[in-house]
Amino acid sequence: MKCLLHTAGIISVALLSQSCTTVTVAANETLPAMVIVDENDVVIDQPPPHGAIGMSTAYRISDVAPKRNMEFRKRSLHVGAQIGEHIISHDEVYYVVSGNGVVISDGEEAALSEGMAAYLYTGANVGIRQVGDEPLMLIISYPLAARKE
């Protein structure tokens, strides 16, 4: 597994045994100019969060970014899977890359399909479920309360 960190035009390749999440920057160091992530290096099959209903494939893209202040993930909800309802402490976006789903926010449901996004607000009780014969591929993004160290 490898992660590429670009700092001042110099590319460093970190070879890691388990996950790119171990890439760190010391408190007194500057952040890299960018972190390049290959989704194939951060993929894991796991039950979806907030209820573990069904199975999903998670691409934990932002986990490798040192001192990040946002989450950016791609997740494929397998047929019949769902991210269970949960109250969010931040605004959050679910963007549909492919497939079909039903998003819920504070009891109101809406159908989503490829190219559609749901912008969900702080304090809402939200969730999303896959519908149909194809997996539901999502991009999920939201800010963190503070930078991850």
N, C-alpha and C. Protein backbone atom coordinates (compact mmCIF):
# COMPACT_ATOMS: atom_id res chain seq x y z
N MET A 1 0.84 -1.16 0.00
CA MET A 1 0.00 0.00 0.00
C MET A 1 0.89 1.23 0.00
N LYS A 2 0.51 2.25 -0.77
CA LYS A 2 1.34 3.44 -0.78
C LYS A 2 0.48 4.69 -0.82
N CYS A 3 1.02 5.75 -0.26
CA CYS A 3 0.42 7.06 -0.30
C CYS A 3 1.47 8.01 -0.82
N LEU A 4 1.06 8.97 -1.61
CA LEU A 4 2.00 9.95 -2.12
C LEU A 4 1.76 11.27 -1.43
N LEU A 5 2.78 11.84 -0.82
CA LEU A 5 2.70 13.15 -0.22
C LEU A 5 3.55 14.10 -1.04
N HIS A 6 2.96 15.18 -1.52
CA HIS A 6 3.68 16.16 -2.32
C HIS A 6 3.97 17.36 -1.42
N THR A 7 5.23 17.69 -1.23
CA THR A 7 5.63 18.83 -0.41
C THR A 7 6.63 19.64 -1.21
N ALA A 8 6.28 20.88 -1.47
CA ALA A 8 7.17 21.80 -2.19
C ALA A 8 7.73 21.16 -3.46
N GLY A 9 6.88 20.45 -4.19
CA GLY A 9 7.29 19.87 -5.46
C GLY A 9 8.06 18.57 -5.34
N ILE A 10 8.32 18.07 -4.15
CA ILE A 10 9.05 16.82 -3.95
C ILE A 10 8.04 15.74 -3.61
N ILE A 11 8.15 14.58 -4.26
CA ILE A 11 7.22 13.49 -4.00
C ILE A 11 7.88 12.50 -3.05
N SER A 12 7.17 12.18 -1.97
CA SER A 12 7.61 11.15 -1.05
C SER A 12 6.65 9.98 -1.15
N VAL A 13 7.14 8.77 -1.20
CA VAL A 13 6.29 7.59 -1.24
C VAL A 13 6.44 6.87 0.09
N ALA A 14 5.32 6.72 0.78
CA ALA A 14 5.33 6.01 2.05
C ALA A 14 4.76 4.61 1.83
N LEU A 15 5.56 3.60 2.02
CA LEU A 15 5.09 2.23 1.91
C LEU A 15 4.65 1.77 3.29
N LEU A 16 3.41 1.36 3.37
CA LEU A 16 2.81 1.04 4.66
C LEU A 16 2.30 -0.39 4.65
N SER A 17 2.31 -1.01 5.79
CA SER A 17 1.92 -2.41 5.86
C SER A 17 0.42 -2.60 5.89
N GLN A 18 -0.34 -1.73 6.54
CA GLN A 18 -1.77 -1.94 6.68
C GLN A 18 -2.61 -0.85 6.04
N SER A 19 -2.29 0.40 6.31
CA SER A 19 -3.17 1.47 5.90
C SER A 19 -2.41 2.77 5.76
N CYS A 20 -2.89 3.62 4.90
CA CYS A 20 -2.28 4.93 4.74
C CYS A 20 -2.60 5.83 5.93
N THR A 21 -3.46 5.42 6.82
CA THR A 21 -3.86 6.27 7.93
C THR A 21 -2.72 6.54 8.89
N THR A 22 -1.59 5.84 8.76
CA THR A 22 -0.47 6.08 9.67
C THR A 22 0.43 7.22 9.22
N VAL A 23 0.12 7.84 8.07
CA VAL A 23 0.91 8.99 7.60
C VAL A 23 0.59 10.17 8.51
N THR A 24 1.63 10.75 9.12
CA THR A 24 1.41 11.86 10.03
C THR A 24 2.41 12.98 9.78
N VAL A 25 2.07 14.15 10.27
CA VAL A 25 2.95 15.31 10.22
C VAL A 25 3.08 15.80 11.65
N ALA A 26 4.30 15.98 12.12
CA ALA A 26 4.51 16.46 13.49
C ALA A 26 3.91 17.84 13.67
N ALA A 27 3.58 18.18 14.91
CA ALA A 27 2.91 19.44 15.21
C ALA A 27 3.68 20.65 14.72
N ASN A 28 5.00 20.59 14.71
CA ASN A 28 5.79 21.75 14.31
C ASN A 28 6.11 21.75 12.81
N GLU A 29 5.66 20.76 12.06
CA GLU A 29 5.92 20.69 10.64
C GLU A 29 4.77 21.33 9.86
N THR A 30 5.06 21.82 8.68
CA THR A 30 4.01 22.35 7.83
C THR A 30 3.29 21.20 7.15
N LEU A 31 2.08 21.45 6.75
CA LEU A 31 1.32 20.44 6.02
C LEU A 31 1.88 20.29 4.62
N PRO A 32 1.74 19.11 4.04
CA PRO A 32 2.20 18.94 2.66
C PRO A 32 1.34 19.79 1.73
N ALA A 33 1.85 20.08 0.56
CA ALA A 33 1.08 20.84 -0.42
C ALA A 33 -0.19 20.09 -0.82
N MET A 34 -0.11 18.76 -0.83
CA MET A 34 -1.26 17.92 -1.14
C MET A 34 -0.96 16.49 -0.75
N VAL A 35 -2.02 15.71 -0.67
CA VAL A 35 -1.90 14.27 -0.45
C VAL A 35 -2.66 13.60 -1.59
N ILE A 36 -2.00 12.73 -2.32
CA ILE A 36 -2.62 12.01 -3.42
C ILE A 36 -3.00 10.62 -2.91
N VAL A 37 -4.25 10.24 -3.13
CA VAL A 37 -4.75 8.97 -2.62
C VAL A 37 -5.34 8.16 -3.76
N ASP A 38 -4.90 6.93 -3.89
CA ASP A 38 -5.51 5.98 -4.82
C ASP A 38 -6.57 5.22 -4.03
N GLU A 39 -7.81 5.28 -4.46
CA GLU A 39 -8.89 4.64 -3.70
C GLU A 39 -8.65 3.15 -3.49
N ASN A 40 -7.89 2.52 -4.36
CA ASN A 40 -7.60 1.09 -4.20
C ASN A 40 -6.73 0.82 -2.98
N ASP A 41 -6.04 1.85 -2.49
CA ASP A 41 -5.18 1.69 -1.31
C ASP A 41 -5.93 1.89 0.01
N VAL A 42 -7.17 2.39 -0.06
CA VAL A 42 -7.90 2.71 1.18
C VAL A 42 -9.27 2.04 1.21
N VAL A 43 -9.44 0.98 0.44
CA VAL A 43 -10.73 0.29 0.34
C VAL A 43 -10.86 -0.79 1.41
N ILE A 44 -12.05 -0.90 1.97
CA ILE A 44 -12.33 -1.93 2.96
C ILE A 44 -13.81 -2.32 2.88
N ASP A 45 -14.10 -3.62 2.95
CA ASP A 45 -15.49 -4.08 3.03
C ASP A 45 -15.87 -4.11 4.50
N GLN A 46 -17.02 -3.50 4.81
CA GLN A 46 -17.46 -3.42 6.20
C GLN A 46 -18.96 -3.13 6.24
N PRO A 47 -19.61 -3.47 7.35
CA PRO A 47 -21.01 -3.06 7.50
C PRO A 47 -21.08 -1.52 7.49
N PRO A 48 -22.14 -0.97 6.94
CA PRO A 48 -22.27 0.49 6.95
C PRO A 48 -22.39 1.02 8.39
N PRO A 49 -22.06 2.28 8.58
CA PRO A 49 -22.16 2.86 9.93
C PRO A 49 -23.61 3.06 10.36
N HIS A 50 -23.77 3.27 11.65
CA HIS A 50 -25.07 3.63 12.24
C HIS A 50 -26.11 2.53 12.06
N GLY A 51 -25.79 1.35 12.53
CA GLY A 51 -26.75 0.25 12.54
C GLY A 51 -26.27 -1.01 11.86
N ALA A 52 -25.20 -0.94 11.10
CA ALA A 52 -24.61 -2.13 10.45
C ALA A 52 -25.66 -2.94 9.71
N ILE A 53 -26.46 -2.26 8.87
CA ILE A 53 -27.51 -2.94 8.12
C ILE A 53 -26.97 -3.29 6.73
N GLY A 54 -26.71 -4.57 6.50
CA GLY A 54 -26.15 -5.01 5.23
C GLY A 54 -24.64 -4.85 5.20
N MET A 55 -24.10 -4.80 3.98
CA MET A 55 -22.66 -4.65 3.79
C MET A 55 -22.39 -3.48 2.85
N SER A 56 -21.16 -2.98 2.96
CA SER A 56 -20.74 -1.87 2.10
C SER A 56 -19.26 -2.00 1.80
N THR A 57 -18.83 -1.26 0.79
CA THR A 57 -17.42 -1.11 0.49
C THR A 57 -17.09 0.34 0.74
N ALA A 58 -16.16 0.60 1.66
CA ALA A 58 -15.79 1.97 2.03
C ALA A 58 -14.43 2.30 1.44
N TYR A 59 -14.34 3.50 0.91
CA TYR A 59 -13.08 4.05 0.40
C TYR A 59 -12.76 5.23 1.31
N ARG A 60 -11.91 5.03 2.29
CA ARG A 60 -11.67 6.00 3.36
C ARG A 60 -10.60 7.01 2.91
N ILE A 61 -10.97 7.79 1.92
CA ILE A 61 -10.04 8.66 1.20
C ILE A 61 -9.39 9.69 2.10
N SER A 62 -10.15 10.43 2.87
CA SER A 62 -9.55 11.52 3.66
C SER A 62 -8.77 11.03 4.87
N ASP A 63 -8.92 9.78 5.24
CA ASP A 63 -8.22 9.27 6.41
C ASP A 63 -6.70 9.40 6.31
N VAL A 64 -6.16 9.43 5.11
CA VAL A 64 -4.71 9.50 4.95
C VAL A 64 -4.16 10.92 5.02
N ALA A 65 -5.03 11.92 5.02
CA ALA A 65 -4.57 13.30 5.05
C ALA A 65 -4.21 13.72 6.47
N PRO A 66 -2.96 14.08 6.71
CA PRO A 66 -2.58 14.50 8.06
C PRO A 66 -3.24 15.82 8.43
N LYS A 67 -3.66 15.91 9.67
CA LYS A 67 -4.25 17.14 10.22
C LYS A 67 -5.41 17.67 9.38
N ARG A 68 -6.24 16.76 8.88
CA ARG A 68 -7.38 17.17 8.05
C ARG A 68 -8.48 17.79 8.89
N ASN A 69 -9.34 18.59 8.25
CA ASN A 69 -10.48 19.15 8.97
C ASN A 69 -11.79 18.83 8.26
N MET A 70 -11.76 17.80 7.41
CA MET A 70 -12.99 17.34 6.77
C MET A 70 -12.90 15.86 6.47
N GLU A 71 -14.06 15.26 6.29
CA GLU A 71 -14.15 13.87 5.84
C GLU A 71 -14.61 13.88 4.39
N PHE A 72 -14.02 13.01 3.60
CA PHE A 72 -14.42 12.81 2.21
C PHE A 72 -14.29 11.33 1.96
N ARG A 73 -15.43 10.68 1.75
CA ARG A 73 -15.43 9.23 1.59
C ARG A 73 -16.30 8.83 0.41
N LYS A 74 -15.92 7.74 -0.19
CA LYS A 74 -16.75 7.09 -1.19
C LYS A 74 -17.23 5.80 -0.53
N ARG A 75 -18.51 5.49 -0.69
CA ARG A 75 -19.03 4.27 -0.08
C ARG A 75 -20.04 3.64 -1.03
N SER A 76 -19.88 2.34 -1.24
CA SER A 76 -20.84 1.58 -2.02
C SER A 76 -21.71 0.78 -1.06
N LEU A 77 -22.99 1.10 -1.04
CA LEU A 77 -23.94 0.32 -0.23
C LEU A 77 -24.40 -0.86 -1.09
N HIS A 78 -24.08 -2.05 -0.67
CA HIS A 78 -24.47 -3.24 -1.40
C HIS A 78 -26.00 -3.36 -1.38
N VAL A 79 -26.53 -4.20 -2.26
CA VAL A 79 -27.98 -4.38 -2.35
C VAL A 79 -28.55 -4.70 -0.96
N GLY A 80 -29.55 -3.92 -0.55
CA GLY A 80 -30.23 -4.10 0.73
C GLY A 80 -29.57 -3.38 1.90
N ALA A 81 -28.46 -2.72 1.68
CA ALA A 81 -27.73 -2.08 2.79
C ALA A 81 -28.23 -0.64 3.03
N GLN A 82 -27.94 -0.15 4.21
CA GLN A 82 -28.28 1.24 4.52
C GLN A 82 -27.39 1.79 5.62
N ILE A 83 -27.20 3.10 5.55
CA ILE A 83 -26.59 3.85 6.65
C ILE A 83 -27.76 4.23 7.54
N GLY A 84 -27.78 3.69 8.75
CA GLY A 84 -28.92 3.91 9.63
C GLY A 84 -29.08 5.37 10.05
N GLU A 85 -30.27 5.69 10.49
CA GLU A 85 -30.56 7.05 10.92
C GLU A 85 -29.70 7.43 12.11
N HIS A 86 -29.20 8.67 12.07
CA HIS A 86 -28.35 9.20 13.14
C HIS A 86 -28.42 10.73 13.09
N ILE A 87 -28.27 11.34 14.22
CA ILE A 87 -28.29 12.81 14.30
C ILE A 87 -26.90 13.32 13.98
N ILE A 88 -26.82 14.28 13.06
CA ILE A 88 -25.52 14.81 12.65
C ILE A 88 -25.21 16.12 13.35
N SER A 89 -23.94 16.32 13.69
CA SER A 89 -23.49 17.51 14.41
C SER A 89 -22.79 18.50 13.47
N HIS A 90 -23.10 18.38 12.18
CA HIS A 90 -22.46 19.20 11.13
C HIS A 90 -23.32 19.07 9.89
N ASP A 91 -23.17 19.97 8.95
CA ASP A 91 -23.80 19.78 7.65
C ASP A 91 -23.08 18.62 6.95
N GLU A 92 -23.81 17.93 6.09
CA GLU A 92 -23.26 16.74 5.44
C GLU A 92 -23.86 16.64 4.04
N VAL A 93 -23.08 16.11 3.09
CA VAL A 93 -23.57 15.92 1.72
C VAL A 93 -23.45 14.45 1.34
N TYR A 94 -24.53 13.90 0.78
CA TYR A 94 -24.51 12.59 0.14
C TYR A 94 -24.68 12.85 -1.35
N TYR A 95 -23.68 12.48 -2.15
CA TYR A 95 -23.75 12.64 -3.61
C TYR A 95 -23.77 11.26 -4.24
N VAL A 96 -24.73 11.01 -5.13
CA VAL A 96 -24.88 9.70 -5.75
C VAL A 96 -24.06 9.62 -7.03
N VAL A 97 -23.08 8.72 -7.03
CA VAL A 97 -22.25 8.46 -8.20
C VAL A 97 -22.98 7.50 -9.14
N SER A 98 -23.60 6.46 -8.58
CA SER A 98 -24.38 5.50 -9.37
C SER A 98 -25.36 4.78 -8.47
N GLY A 99 -26.36 4.19 -9.08
CA GLY A 99 -27.37 3.45 -8.34
C GLY A 99 -28.50 4.35 -7.88
N ASN A 100 -29.35 3.76 -7.02
CA ASN A 100 -30.52 4.46 -6.51
C ASN A 100 -30.62 4.28 -5.02
N GLY A 101 -31.15 5.30 -4.36
CA GLY A 101 -31.31 5.24 -2.92
C GLY A 101 -32.45 6.12 -2.45
N VAL A 102 -32.75 5.99 -1.18
CA VAL A 102 -33.73 6.85 -0.53
C VAL A 102 -33.06 7.44 0.69
N VAL A 103 -32.99 8.78 0.72
CA VAL A 103 -32.40 9.49 1.84
C VAL A 103 -33.54 9.92 2.77
N ILE A 104 -33.26 9.95 4.06
CA ILE A 104 -34.24 10.41 5.04
C ILE A 104 -33.60 11.49 5.90
N SER A 105 -34.36 12.52 6.16
CA SER A 105 -33.91 13.59 7.05
C SER A 105 -35.10 14.06 7.87
N ASP A 106 -35.00 13.86 9.17
CA ASP A 106 -36.08 14.24 10.09
C ASP A 106 -37.44 13.70 9.65
N GLY A 107 -37.44 12.45 9.20
CA GLY A 107 -38.68 11.77 8.84
C GLY A 107 -39.14 12.00 7.41
N GLU A 108 -38.52 12.92 6.68
CA GLU A 108 -38.89 13.19 5.29
C GLU A 108 -37.99 12.39 4.37
N GLU A 109 -38.58 11.62 3.45
CA GLU A 109 -37.82 10.78 2.53
C GLU A 109 -37.82 11.38 1.13
N ALA A 110 -36.71 11.14 0.40
CA ALA A 110 -36.60 11.56 -0.99
C ALA A 110 -35.77 10.54 -1.76
N ALA A 111 -36.18 10.27 -2.99
CA ALA A 111 -35.44 9.35 -3.85
C ALA A 111 -34.24 10.08 -4.44
N LEU A 112 -33.12 9.36 -4.53
CA LEU A 112 -31.90 9.90 -5.14
C LEU A 112 -31.43 8.93 -6.21
N SER A 113 -30.88 9.47 -7.29
CA SER A 113 -30.28 8.66 -8.34
C SER A 113 -29.02 9.35 -8.83
N GLU A 114 -28.33 8.72 -9.76
CA GLU A 114 -27.05 9.20 -10.27
C GLU A 114 -27.08 10.70 -10.58
N GLY A 115 -26.07 11.40 -10.06
CA GLY A 115 -25.94 12.83 -10.30
C GLY A 115 -26.70 13.72 -9.33
N MET A 116 -27.43 13.12 -8.41
CA MET A 116 -28.20 13.90 -7.42
C MET A 116 -27.44 13.95 -6.10
N ALA A 117 -27.70 15.00 -5.34
CA ALA A 117 -27.08 15.15 -4.02
C ALA A 117 -28.13 15.56 -3.01
N ALA A 118 -27.92 15.15 -1.77
CA ALA A 118 -28.74 15.60 -0.65
C ALA A 118 -27.84 16.40 0.27
N TYR A 119 -28.20 17.66 0.51
CA TYR A 119 -27.48 18.50 1.46
C TYR A 119 -28.27 18.42 2.76
N LEU A 120 -27.63 17.92 3.80
CA LEU A 120 -28.28 17.66 5.08
C LEU A 120 -27.74 18.61 6.14
N TYR A 121 -28.62 19.11 6.99
CA TYR A 121 -28.25 20.17 7.93
C TYR A 121 -27.96 19.68 9.35
N THR A 122 -27.10 20.40 10.02
CA THR A 122 -26.73 20.15 11.41
C THR A 122 -27.98 19.92 12.26
N GLY A 123 -27.94 18.87 13.08
CA GLY A 123 -29.03 18.57 14.00
C GLY A 123 -30.10 17.66 13.43
N ALA A 124 -30.06 17.40 12.13
CA ALA A 124 -31.06 16.53 11.50
C ALA A 124 -30.77 15.06 11.83
N ASN A 125 -31.83 14.26 11.84
CA ASN A 125 -31.72 12.82 12.01
C ASN A 125 -31.76 12.22 10.60
N VAL A 126 -30.60 11.74 10.10
CA VAL A 126 -30.47 11.37 8.70
C VAL A 126 -30.04 9.92 8.51
N GLY A 127 -30.28 9.42 7.31
CA GLY A 127 -29.83 8.10 6.91
C GLY A 127 -30.08 7.93 5.43
N ILE A 128 -29.59 6.85 4.85
CA ILE A 128 -29.82 6.57 3.43
C ILE A 128 -29.82 5.07 3.22
N ARG A 129 -30.69 4.60 2.32
CA ARG A 129 -30.74 3.17 2.03
C ARG A 129 -30.67 2.94 0.53
N GLN A 130 -30.05 1.85 0.17
CA GLN A 130 -29.94 1.42 -1.21
C GLN A 130 -31.29 0.84 -1.63
N VAL A 131 -31.71 1.10 -2.87
CA VAL A 131 -32.91 0.47 -3.44
C VAL A 131 -32.58 0.00 -4.86
N GLY A 132 -33.28 -1.02 -5.32
CA GLY A 132 -33.07 -1.53 -6.67
C GLY A 132 -32.08 -2.68 -6.72
N ASP A 133 -31.66 -3.01 -7.94
CA ASP A 133 -30.81 -4.19 -8.18
C ASP A 133 -29.32 -3.89 -8.21
N GLU A 134 -28.94 -2.62 -8.20
CA GLU A 134 -27.53 -2.21 -8.29
C GLU A 134 -27.08 -1.60 -6.96
N PRO A 135 -25.81 -1.73 -6.61
CA PRO A 135 -25.30 -1.05 -5.42
C PRO A 135 -25.48 0.48 -5.55
N LEU A 136 -25.54 1.14 -4.44
CA LEU A 136 -25.63 2.60 -4.38
C LEU A 136 -24.25 3.14 -4.06
N MET A 137 -23.62 3.83 -5.02
CA MET A 137 -22.28 4.40 -4.83
C MET A 137 -22.44 5.87 -4.47
N LEU A 138 -21.89 6.24 -3.30
CA LEU A 138 -22.02 7.60 -2.77
C LEU A 138 -20.67 8.24 -2.54
N ILE A 139 -20.64 9.56 -2.61
CA ILE A 139 -19.58 10.35 -2.04
C ILE A 139 -20.20 11.02 -0.81
N ILE A 140 -19.55 10.92 0.32
CA ILE A 140 -20.05 11.52 1.56
C ILE A 140 -18.98 12.48 2.06
N SER A 141 -19.39 13.70 2.36
CA SER A 141 -18.43 14.69 2.82
C SER A 141 -19.04 15.56 3.91
N TYR A 142 -18.20 15.88 4.90
CA TYR A 142 -18.64 16.76 5.99
C TYR A 142 -17.42 17.30 6.73
N PRO A 143 -17.59 18.46 7.39
CA PRO A 143 -16.47 19.02 8.15
C PRO A 143 -16.31 18.30 9.49
N LEU A 144 -15.09 18.32 10.00
CA LEU A 144 -14.82 17.82 11.34
C LEU A 144 -14.88 18.98 12.31
N ALA A 145 -15.18 18.71 13.56
CA ALA A 145 -15.25 19.76 14.58
C ALA A 145 -13.89 20.44 14.78
N ALA A 146 -12.83 19.65 14.64
CA ALA A 146 -11.46 20.17 14.81
C ALA A 146 -10.54 19.35 13.91
N ARG A 147 -9.38 19.86 13.62
CA ARG A 147 -8.42 19.12 12.80
C ARG A 147 -8.04 17.81 13.47
N LYS A 148 -7.98 16.74 12.68
CA LYS A 148 -7.49 15.44 13.18
C LYS A 148 -5.98 15.53 13.30
N GLU A 149 -5.44 15.05 14.38
CA GLU A 149 -3.97 15.07 14.56
C GLU A 149 -3.34 13.84 14.00
